[in-house]
Protein backbone atom coordinates (compact mmCIF):
# COMPACT_ATOMS: atom_id res chain seq x y z
CA UNK A 1 38.95 17.89 -39.97
CA UNK A 2 42.57 18.19 -41.22
CA UNK A 3 42.26 21.96 -41.31
CA UNK A 4 40.94 21.91 -37.71
CA UNK A 5 43.89 19.70 -36.52
CA UNK A 6 46.40 21.85 -38.40
CA UNK A 7 44.93 25.05 -36.71
CA UNK A 8 45.20 23.37 -33.29
CA UNK A 9 48.81 22.33 -33.89
CA UNK A 10 49.76 25.89 -35.38
CA UNK A 11 48.21 27.44 -32.38
CA UNK A 12 50.09 25.20 -29.89
CA UNK A 13 53.32 25.89 -31.90
CA UNK A 14 52.82 29.60 -31.50
CA UNK A 15 52.28 29.23 -27.71
CA UNK A 16 55.33 27.20 -27.40
CA UNK A 17 57.46 29.98 -29.27
CA UNK A 18 55.83 32.61 -27.11
CA UNK A 19 56.59 30.78 -23.92
CA UNK A 20 60.31 30.86 -24.62
CA UNK A 21 60.28 34.50 -25.55
CA UNK A 22 58.05 35.60 -22.55
CA UNK A 23 60.29 33.65 -20.30
CA UNK A 24 63.54 35.10 -21.52
CA UNK A 25 62.61 38.73 -22.06
CA UNK A 26 59.48 39.26 -20.09
CA UNK A 27 56.17 40.15 -21.31
CA UNK A 28 56.72 43.93 -21.71
CA UNK A 29 60.02 43.44 -23.87
CA UNK A 30 58.56 40.66 -26.01
CA UNK A 31 56.97 41.61 -29.40
CA UNK A 32 54.44 39.87 -31.59
CA UNK A 33 57.00 40.08 -34.42
CA UNK A 34 59.58 38.23 -32.45
CA UNK A 35 57.06 35.47 -31.52
CA UNK A 36 55.75 35.12 -35.07
CA UNK A 37 59.28 34.84 -36.47
CA UNK A 38 60.10 32.27 -33.94
CA UNK A 39 56.93 30.36 -34.65
CA UNK A 40 57.30 30.63 -38.52
CA UNK A 41 54.01 32.39 -39.00
CA UNK A 42 52.98 35.87 -39.88
CA UNK A 43 51.99 38.58 -37.33
CA UNK A 44 48.53 38.46 -38.69
CA UNK A 45 48.23 34.75 -37.89
CA UNK A 46 49.18 35.39 -34.29
CA UNK A 47 46.55 38.16 -33.97
CA UNK A 48 44.02 35.90 -35.82
CA UNK A 49 44.35 33.12 -33.22
CA UNK A 50 44.99 35.16 -30.01
CA UNK A 51 43.71 38.77 -30.56
CA UNK A 52 46.36 40.40 -28.36
CA UNK A 53 49.82 39.77 -26.92
CA UNK A 54 48.22 39.77 -23.37
CA UNK A 55 45.62 36.94 -24.39
CA UNK A 56 48.44 34.96 -25.95
CA UNK A 57 50.30 35.20 -22.56
CA UNK A 58 47.46 34.02 -20.61
CA UNK A 59 46.57 31.23 -22.94
CA UNK A 60 49.96 29.55 -22.20
CA UNK A 61 49.45 28.58 -18.52
CA UNK A 62 45.90 27.78 -19.41
CA UNK A 63 46.80 25.20 -21.81
CA UNK A 64 49.72 23.63 -19.89
CA UNK A 65 47.68 23.66 -16.59
CA UNK A 66 44.65 21.87 -18.23
CA UNK A 67 46.95 19.28 -19.66
CA UNK A 68 48.65 18.71 -16.30
CA UNK A 69 45.31 18.36 -14.58
CA UNK A 70 43.97 15.97 -17.12
CA UNK A 71 47.08 13.83 -16.53
CA UNK A 72 46.49 13.91 -12.80
CA UNK A 73 42.81 12.83 -13.31
CA UNK A 74 44.00 9.96 -15.33
CA UNK A 75 46.60 8.75 -12.84
CA UNK A 76 44.92 9.28 -9.37
CA UNK A 77 42.28 6.53 -9.59
CA UNK A 78 45.01 3.98 -9.76
CA UNK A 79 46.90 5.24 -6.73
CA UNK A 80 45.91 3.73 -3.28
CA UNK A 81 45.70 5.89 -0.12
CA UNK A 82 45.60 9.55 0.22
CA UNK A 83 49.43 9.86 1.06
CA UNK A 84 50.24 8.11 -2.23
CA UNK A 85 47.82 10.54 -4.00
CA UNK A 86 49.59 13.60 -2.33
CA UNK A 87 52.97 12.34 -3.48
CA UNK A 88 51.56 11.95 -7.02
CA UNK A 89 50.19 15.44 -6.94
CA UNK A 90 53.58 16.99 -5.88
CA UNK A 91 55.87 14.92 -7.98
CA UNK A 92 53.77 15.95 -11.15
CA UNK A 93 54.07 19.55 -10.24
CA UNK A 94 57.69 19.36 -9.62
CA UNK A 95 58.36 17.48 -12.78
CA UNK A 96 56.48 20.05 -14.68
CA UNK A 97 58.32 22.92 -13.19
CA UNK A 98 61.77 21.30 -13.66
CA UNK A 99 61.13 19.74 -17.09
CA UNK A 100 59.65 22.93 -18.44
CA UNK A 101 61.64 25.89 -16.87
CA UNK A 102 60.15 28.45 -19.31
CA UNK A 103 56.67 27.59 -17.87
CA UNK A 104 57.82 27.71 -14.19
CA UNK A 105 59.61 30.97 -14.76
CA UNK A 106 56.67 32.45 -16.49
CA UNK A 107 54.15 31.53 -13.84
CA UNK A 108 56.05 31.77 -10.58
CA UNK A 109 58.24 34.78 -11.37
CA UNK A 110 55.93 36.76 -13.67
CA UNK A 111 52.41 35.92 -13.44
CA UNK A 112 51.63 34.95 -9.85
CA UNK A 113 52.30 38.43 -8.65
CA UNK A 114 49.90 39.99 -11.05
CA UNK A 115 46.35 40.79 -9.68
CA UNK A 116 45.15 41.00 -13.28
CA UNK A 117 46.29 37.42 -13.90
CA UNK A 118 44.27 36.16 -10.91
CA UNK A 119 41.09 37.00 -12.68
CA UNK A 120 41.80 35.07 -15.91
CA UNK A 121 40.91 31.60 -17.01
CA UNK A 122 44.37 30.66 -16.89
CA UNK A 123 44.56 31.21 -13.14
CA UNK A 124 41.28 29.34 -12.80
CA UNK A 125 42.82 26.41 -14.59
CA UNK A 126 45.87 26.48 -12.04
CA UNK A 127 43.31 26.72 -9.17
CA UNK A 128 41.52 23.52 -10.36
CA UNK A 129 44.50 21.41 -9.63
CA UNK A 130 44.98 23.17 -6.35
CA UNK A 131 41.37 22.37 -5.40
CA UNK A 132 41.94 18.69 -6.33
CA UNK A 133 44.84 18.70 -3.83
CA UNK A 134 42.71 20.29 -1.17
CA UNK A 135 39.96 17.66 -1.80
CA UNK A 136 42.63 15.05 -1.32
CA UNK A 137 43.68 16.39 1.99
CA UNK A 138 40.12 16.78 3.21
CA UNK A 139 39.54 13.12 2.19
CA UNK A 140 42.40 12.02 4.36
CA UNK A 141 40.98 14.04 7.33
CA UNK A 142 37.48 12.48 6.85
CA UNK A 143 38.64 9.06 6.54
CA UNK A 144 40.90 9.25 9.67
CA UNK A 145 44.26 9.01 7.89
CA UNK A 146 45.12 12.62 9.11
CA UNK A 147 44.18 14.27 12.35
CA UNK A 148 40.70 15.76 12.71
CA UNK A 149 41.99 19.01 13.86
CA UNK A 150 44.31 19.42 10.77
CA UNK A 151 43.53 22.49 8.63
CA UNK A 152 43.38 21.34 4.94
CA UNK A 153 44.09 24.91 3.63
CA UNK A 154 47.16 25.30 5.76
CA UNK A 155 48.47 21.89 4.66
CA UNK A 156 47.88 22.70 1.08
CA UNK A 157 49.80 26.06 1.52
CA UNK A 158 52.64 24.22 3.22
CA UNK A 159 52.94 21.66 0.34
CA UNK A 160 52.48 24.03 -2.58
CA UNK A 161 54.38 26.95 -1.00
CA UNK A 162 57.37 24.87 -0.43
CA UNK A 163 57.42 23.49 -4.05
CA UNK A 164 57.10 26.92 -5.41
CA UNK A 165 59.82 28.35 -3.16
CA UNK A 166 62.19 25.62 -4.21
CA UNK A 167 61.65 26.49 -7.90
CA UNK A 168 61.68 30.32 -7.39
CA UNK A 169 65.09 29.87 -5.56
CA UNK A 170 66.37 27.75 -8.41
CA UNK A 171 65.33 30.39 -10.96
CA UNK A 172 66.88 33.18 -8.98
CA UNK A 173 70.14 31.38 -8.94
CA UNK A 174 69.98 31.16 -12.70
CA UNK A 175 68.81 27.49 -12.88
CA UNK A 176 72.17 25.88 -12.00
CA UNK A 177 72.80 22.37 -13.20
CA UNK A 178 72.23 20.00 -10.32
CA UNK A 179 73.72 16.56 -9.65
CA UNK A 180 70.33 15.54 -8.23
CA UNK A 181 67.07 16.71 -9.40
CA UNK A 182 65.02 19.03 -7.23
CA UNK A 183 62.45 16.24 -6.99
CA UNK A 184 64.81 14.36 -4.50
CA UNK A 185 63.66 16.77 -1.88
CA UNK A 186 60.14 15.64 -2.18
CA UNK A 187 60.02 12.51 -0.12
CA UNK A 188 62.02 13.95 3.13
CA UNK A 189 59.99 17.05 2.88
CA UNK A 190 56.67 15.21 2.51
CA UNK A 191 57.47 12.94 5.32
CA UNK A 192 58.01 15.79 7.72
CA UNK A 193 54.58 17.12 6.88
CA UNK A 194 52.84 13.81 7.01
CA UNK A 195 54.39 12.96 10.28
CA UNK A 196 52.77 16.01 11.78
CA UNK A 197 49.39 15.53 10.44
CA UNK A 198 48.89 11.78 10.60
CA UNK A 199 46.33 10.51 13.10
CA UNK A 200 48.14 9.04 16.04
CA UNK A 201 47.19 5.43 16.87
CA UNK A 202 46.24 4.97 20.38
CA UNK A 203 48.41 2.39 22.40
CA UNK A 204 46.93 0.06 24.88
CA UNK A 205 48.00 0.93 28.39
CA UNK A 206 47.12 -0.26 31.85
CA UNK A 207 46.67 1.88 34.78
CA UNK A 208 47.26 0.46 38.35
CA UNK A 209 46.13 2.15 41.46
CA UNK A 210 48.14 0.34 44.20
CA UNK A 211 48.17 0.97 47.83
CA UNK A 212 51.68 1.41 49.59
CA UNK A 213 51.32 -1.93 51.51
CA UNK A 214 50.82 -3.69 48.22
CA UNK A 215 54.08 -2.39 46.87
CA UNK A 216 55.83 -5.69 47.41
CA UNK A 217 53.27 -7.61 45.52
CA UNK A 218 53.67 -5.17 42.48
CA UNK A 219 57.56 -5.56 42.74
CA UNK A 220 57.26 -9.27 42.59
CA UNK A 221 55.13 -9.20 39.39
CA UNK A 222 56.76 -6.44 37.31
CA UNK A 223 60.30 -6.05 38.67
CA UNK A 224 61.53 -9.31 40.25
CA UNK A 225 61.53 -12.55 38.10
CA UNK A 226 59.19 -15.34 39.20
CA UNK A 227 60.63 -18.47 40.82
CA UNK A 228 60.02 -20.25 37.49
CA UNK A 229 62.07 -17.84 35.47
CA UNK A 230 64.78 -17.91 38.08
CA UNK A 231 64.74 -21.71 37.91
CA UNK A 232 64.88 -21.66 33.97
CA UNK A 233 67.70 -19.12 34.07
CA UNK A 234 69.75 -21.27 36.45
């Protein structure tokens, strides 16, 4: 049991070391020797656990995405309302990207543009949380919180696309230190989206069909105050 735990911890330690090197140097320029040295293990140990540099690369987002999804699954049952759940989804993604810039750099700048990556278990792990977000949006449509004509796929693209754009831009600027975290954009942005997809509540209205000769009656009811109101005012 102890050996199994040590192996799991060592494997995660290697992935953490590899994440920093892949993020800073890129996959092509990174070497197994650099990674093994940073992790404090031999090259043979890295190959034993991962087989190839490419498998090591793809194992990183798979591990982190699975952990993030598990956190979401633990939290969501305690959050009321689909709007609260949507906010929880986005804030956890934004927190992950901002607190682990090596990860967001690797995924957003290096892997998402790779066709090969889209056929891996790592990409499937990322898509799992995206499917959870989609299900949440569909729930909001089904229960009447969101408009029936709202497109759940388009809404998900708007939400995730904006978050990804914010962090891609941040990385392209060299990750400048900010007075306020990027997460501060979440509430104003989310409110814009929600305001566009919320089901509109119908207001009670009265329609009157009035003949021209009855105009004075209507005027006395809705425009001119009644004698009682005049008397009270005086």
